[in-house]
Amino acid sequence: MFGDLIAKLDQPEIATAVLSQLDADLVEEIGHQAAAVSMTPASFAAGAIREFVERGGDDLWFQLLTVVRRAEDPTLEAIRTILEWVVVSNKA
């Protein structure tokens, strides 16, 4: 399911729908960071998630799997966790 969603994140309506399910503060920060690089929040989020999938290290993948294993909605929790990591790392 996660792979299917990642493949569809290039569709702005899908990425926007995913963002609408996340915490408002996280979405707001994604919006700020997206604007700083002249992107829409949906495009920024899709790119950030693809970047993680392609280049995330083993430690981050292990942490993500631990978080997802306990989640009620594993796919949404994976997306949220990845985007939180991106937001925090971009602020540093």
N, C-alpha and C. Protein backbone atom coordinates (compact mmCIF):
# COMPACT_ATOMS: atom_id res chain seq x y z
N MET A 1 0.82 -1.19 0.00
CA MET A 1 0.00 0.00 0.00
C MET A 1 0.87 1.26 0.00
N PHE A 2 1.93 1.27 0.80
CA PHE A 2 2.82 2.42 0.86
C PHE A 2 3.43 2.70 -0.50
N GLY A 3 3.89 1.65 -1.18
CA GLY A 3 4.47 1.81 -2.51
C GLY A 3 3.46 2.35 -3.51
N ASP A 4 2.24 1.90 -3.42
CA ASP A 4 1.19 2.40 -4.31
C ASP A 4 0.95 3.89 -4.08
N LEU A 5 0.92 4.29 -2.82
CA LEU A 5 0.69 5.70 -2.51
C LEU A 5 1.85 6.55 -3.00
N ILE A 6 3.05 6.10 -2.81
CA ILE A 6 4.22 6.86 -3.27
C ILE A 6 4.16 7.06 -4.78
N ALA A 7 3.77 6.02 -5.49
CA ALA A 7 3.66 6.12 -6.95
C ALA A 7 2.62 7.14 -7.38
N LYS A 8 1.61 7.36 -6.56
CA LYS A 8 0.53 8.28 -6.90
C LYS A 8 0.75 9.70 -6.38
N LEU A 9 1.79 9.92 -5.57
CA LEU A 9 2.00 11.24 -4.98
C LEU A 9 2.33 12.32 -6.01
N ASP A 10 2.69 11.93 -7.23
CA ASP A 10 2.93 12.92 -8.28
C ASP A 10 1.62 13.58 -8.72
N GLN A 11 0.51 12.96 -8.38
CA GLN A 11 -0.79 13.54 -8.70
C GLN A 11 -1.14 14.54 -7.59
N PRO A 12 -1.20 15.82 -7.93
CA PRO A 12 -1.41 16.84 -6.89
C PRO A 12 -2.63 16.58 -6.01
N GLU A 13 -3.69 16.04 -6.57
CA GLU A 13 -4.89 15.81 -5.77
C GLU A 13 -4.66 14.71 -4.73
N ILE A 14 -3.82 13.73 -5.06
CA ILE A 14 -3.50 12.67 -4.10
C ILE A 14 -2.63 13.23 -2.98
N ALA A 15 -1.58 13.96 -3.35
CA ALA A 15 -0.69 14.55 -2.34
C ALA A 15 -1.45 15.52 -1.45
N THR A 16 -2.33 16.31 -2.03
CA THR A 16 -3.13 17.25 -1.24
C THR A 16 -4.05 16.51 -0.29
N ALA A 17 -4.64 15.43 -0.75
CA ALA A 17 -5.52 14.63 0.12
C ALA A 17 -4.74 14.03 1.28
N VAL A 18 -3.52 13.58 1.02
CA VAL A 18 -2.69 13.04 2.11
C VAL A 18 -2.36 14.14 3.10
N LEU A 19 -1.95 15.30 2.61
CA LEU A 19 -1.62 16.41 3.50
C LEU A 19 -2.81 16.82 4.35
N SER A 20 -4.00 16.72 3.80
CA SER A 20 -5.19 17.13 4.56
C SER A 20 -5.46 16.22 5.76
N GLN A 21 -4.82 15.07 5.80
CA GLN A 21 -5.01 14.13 6.91
C GLN A 21 -3.95 14.29 8.00
N LEU A 22 -3.01 15.20 7.80
CA LEU A 22 -1.92 15.39 8.75
C LEU A 22 -2.21 16.54 9.70
N ASP A 23 -1.43 16.61 10.75
CA ASP A 23 -1.52 17.67 11.74
C ASP A 23 -1.35 19.04 11.07
N ALA A 24 -2.18 19.99 11.44
CA ALA A 24 -2.17 21.32 10.83
C ALA A 24 -0.81 22.02 10.98
N ASP A 25 -0.16 21.86 12.11
CA ASP A 25 1.15 22.51 12.31
C ASP A 25 2.19 21.94 11.34
N LEU A 26 2.15 20.64 11.13
CA LEU A 26 3.08 20.01 10.20
C LEU A 26 2.81 20.50 8.77
N VAL A 27 1.56 20.54 8.40
CA VAL A 27 1.19 20.99 7.05
C VAL A 27 1.59 22.46 6.86
N GLU A 28 1.41 23.26 7.88
CA GLU A 28 1.80 24.67 7.79
C GLU A 28 3.31 24.80 7.58
N GLU A 29 4.09 24.04 8.31
CA GLU A 29 5.56 24.09 8.15
C GLU A 29 5.97 23.58 6.78
N ILE A 30 5.30 22.55 6.28
CA ILE A 30 5.58 22.05 4.93
C ILE A 30 5.29 23.18 3.93
N GLY A 31 4.21 23.90 4.15
CA GLY A 31 3.88 25.02 3.28
C GLY A 31 4.95 26.10 3.28
N HIS A 32 5.49 26.41 4.46
CA HIS A 32 6.56 27.41 4.56
C HIS A 32 7.81 26.95 3.83
N GLN A 33 8.18 25.70 4.06
CA GLN A 33 9.39 25.18 3.43
C GLN A 33 9.21 25.03 1.91
N ALA A 34 8.02 24.68 1.50
CA ALA A 34 7.74 24.57 0.07
C ALA A 34 7.83 25.95 -0.59
N ALA A 35 7.26 26.94 0.05
CA ALA A 35 7.30 28.30 -0.50
C ALA A 35 8.73 28.81 -0.61
N ALA A 36 9.56 28.43 0.34
CA ALA A 36 10.96 28.88 0.33
C ALA A 36 11.73 28.36 -0.87
N VAL A 37 11.27 27.27 -1.46
CA VAL A 37 11.92 26.71 -2.65
C VAL A 37 11.00 26.77 -3.87
N SER A 38 10.00 27.64 -3.79
CA SER A 38 9.06 27.89 -4.89
C SER A 38 8.34 26.64 -5.38
N MET A 39 7.85 25.86 -4.41
CA MET A 39 7.09 24.66 -4.74
C MET A 39 5.73 24.71 -4.05
N THR A 40 4.82 23.92 -4.54
CA THR A 40 3.55 23.76 -3.83
C THR A 40 3.81 22.80 -2.67
N PRO A 41 2.99 22.88 -1.63
CA PRO A 41 3.15 21.91 -0.53
C PRO A 41 3.03 20.47 -1.00
N ALA A 42 2.11 20.21 -1.92
CA ALA A 42 1.92 18.84 -2.41
C ALA A 42 3.17 18.35 -3.14
N SER A 43 3.76 19.18 -3.99
CA SER A 43 4.97 18.79 -4.72
C SER A 43 6.15 18.61 -3.77
N PHE A 44 6.25 19.50 -2.79
CA PHE A 44 7.32 19.41 -1.80
C PHE A 44 7.22 18.10 -1.03
N ALA A 45 6.03 17.79 -0.56
CA ALA A 45 5.82 16.56 0.21
C ALA A 45 6.12 15.33 -0.63
N ALA A 46 5.63 15.31 -1.86
CA ALA A 46 5.88 14.16 -2.74
C ALA A 46 7.37 13.98 -2.98
N GLY A 47 8.07 15.07 -3.24
CA GLY A 47 9.51 15.00 -3.47
C GLY A 47 10.27 14.55 -2.23
N ALA A 48 9.87 15.05 -1.08
CA ALA A 48 10.53 14.68 0.17
C ALA A 48 10.37 13.19 0.46
N ILE A 49 9.21 12.67 0.21
CA ILE A 49 8.96 11.25 0.47
C ILE A 49 9.73 10.39 -0.52
N ARG A 50 9.73 10.77 -1.79
CA ARG A 50 10.52 10.02 -2.78
C ARG A 50 12.01 10.05 -2.43
N GLU A 51 12.49 11.21 -2.00
CA GLU A 51 13.90 11.33 -1.61
C GLU A 51 14.23 10.39 -0.46
N PHE A 52 13.33 10.32 0.52
CA PHE A 52 13.56 9.41 1.64
C PHE A 52 13.59 7.96 1.16
N VAL A 53 12.65 7.59 0.33
CA VAL A 53 12.57 6.21 -0.16
C VAL A 53 13.85 5.85 -0.91
N GLU A 54 14.37 6.78 -1.70
CA GLU A 54 15.55 6.50 -2.51
C GLU A 54 16.85 6.57 -1.71
N ARG A 55 16.90 7.45 -0.68
CA ARG A 55 18.18 7.69 -0.03
C ARG A 55 18.19 7.55 1.48
N GLY A 56 17.07 7.17 2.06
CA GLY A 56 17.02 7.03 3.51
C GLY A 56 17.97 5.94 3.98
N GLY A 57 18.70 6.23 5.02
CA GLY A 57 19.66 5.26 5.54
C GLY A 57 18.97 4.14 6.31
N ASP A 58 19.75 3.10 6.57
CA ASP A 58 19.21 1.94 7.28
C ASP A 58 18.66 2.30 8.65
N ASP A 59 19.34 3.20 9.35
CA ASP A 59 18.86 3.60 10.69
C ASP A 59 17.48 4.24 10.62
N LEU A 60 17.29 5.14 9.64
CA LEU A 60 15.97 5.78 9.51
C LEU A 60 14.91 4.78 9.10
N TRP A 61 15.24 3.87 8.22
CA TRP A 61 14.27 2.84 7.81
C TRP A 61 13.88 1.97 9.00
N PHE A 62 14.85 1.62 9.82
CA PHE A 62 14.55 0.82 10.99
C PHE A 62 13.63 1.58 11.94
N GLN A 63 13.93 2.86 12.16
CA GLN A 63 13.07 3.68 13.01
C GLN A 63 11.67 3.78 12.42
N LEU A 64 11.59 3.97 11.12
CA LEU A 64 10.29 4.08 10.46
C LEU A 64 9.49 2.78 10.61
N LEU A 65 10.13 1.66 10.42
CA LEU A 65 9.43 0.38 10.57
C LEU A 65 8.93 0.17 11.99
N THR A 66 9.70 0.62 12.95
CA THR A 66 9.27 0.52 14.35
C THR A 66 8.02 1.35 14.59
N VAL A 67 8.00 2.57 14.06
CA VAL A 67 6.85 3.46 14.22
C VAL A 67 5.63 2.89 13.51
N VAL A 68 5.82 2.44 12.30
CA VAL A 68 4.73 1.94 11.47
C VAL A 68 4.10 0.68 12.05
N ARG A 69 4.92 -0.14 12.63
CA ARG A 69 4.43 -1.41 13.20
C ARG A 69 3.37 -1.17 14.28
N ARG A 70 3.47 -0.07 14.99
CA ARG A 70 2.53 0.24 16.07
C ARG A 70 1.34 1.09 15.62
N ALA A 71 1.34 1.51 14.38
CA ALA A 71 0.35 2.47 13.91
C ALA A 71 -0.98 1.83 13.54
N GLU A 72 -2.01 2.59 13.76
CA GLU A 72 -3.36 2.18 13.35
C GLU A 72 -3.48 2.23 11.82
N ASP A 73 -2.91 3.28 11.21
CA ASP A 73 -2.88 3.44 9.77
C ASP A 73 -1.41 3.53 9.35
N PRO A 74 -0.77 2.40 9.06
CA PRO A 74 0.67 2.40 8.81
C PRO A 74 1.13 3.30 7.66
N THR A 75 0.37 3.36 6.59
CA THR A 75 0.77 4.18 5.45
C THR A 75 0.77 5.66 5.82
N LEU A 76 -0.29 6.12 6.43
CA LEU A 76 -0.37 7.52 6.83
C LEU A 76 0.69 7.84 7.88
N GLU A 77 0.93 6.93 8.79
CA GLU A 77 1.95 7.15 9.82
C GLU A 77 3.34 7.22 9.20
N ALA A 78 3.61 6.41 8.19
CA ALA A 78 4.90 6.47 7.50
C ALA A 78 5.09 7.82 6.82
N ILE A 79 4.06 8.29 6.14
CA ILE A 79 4.11 9.60 5.47
C ILE A 79 4.35 10.70 6.50
N ARG A 80 3.58 10.68 7.58
CA ARG A 80 3.70 11.70 8.62
C ARG A 80 5.11 11.71 9.21
N THR A 81 5.61 10.55 9.53
CA THR A 81 6.94 10.44 10.14
C THR A 81 8.02 10.96 9.20
N ILE A 82 7.98 10.56 7.96
CA ILE A 82 8.97 11.02 6.98
C ILE A 82 8.92 12.54 6.86
N LEU A 83 7.71 13.09 6.73
CA LEU A 83 7.60 14.54 6.57
C LEU A 83 8.04 15.28 7.82
N GLU A 84 7.79 14.73 8.99
CA GLU A 84 8.29 15.37 10.22
C GLU A 84 9.81 15.39 10.21
N TRP A 85 10.43 14.29 9.81
CA TRP A 85 11.89 14.25 9.74
C TRP A 85 12.41 15.30 8.76
N VAL A 86 11.76 15.43 7.62
CA VAL A 86 12.19 16.40 6.60
C VAL A 86 12.08 17.82 7.16
N VAL A 87 10.95 18.12 7.78
CA VAL A 87 10.73 19.45 8.32
C VAL A 87 11.79 19.79 9.37
N VAL A 88 12.05 18.86 10.26
CA VAL A 88 13.04 19.08 11.32
C VAL A 88 14.43 19.24 10.72
N SER A 89 14.80 18.38 9.79
CA SER A 89 16.15 18.45 9.22
C SER A 89 16.35 19.72 8.41
N ASN A 90 15.31 20.23 7.78
CA ASN A 90 15.42 21.47 7.00
C ASN A 90 15.51 22.69 7.91
N LYS A 91 15.01 22.60 9.11
CA LYS A 91 15.08 23.71 10.05
C LYS A 91 16.47 23.82 10.68
N ALA A 92 17.17 22.70 10.73
CA ALA A 92 18.47 22.68 11.41
C ALA A 92 19.54 23.43 10.68
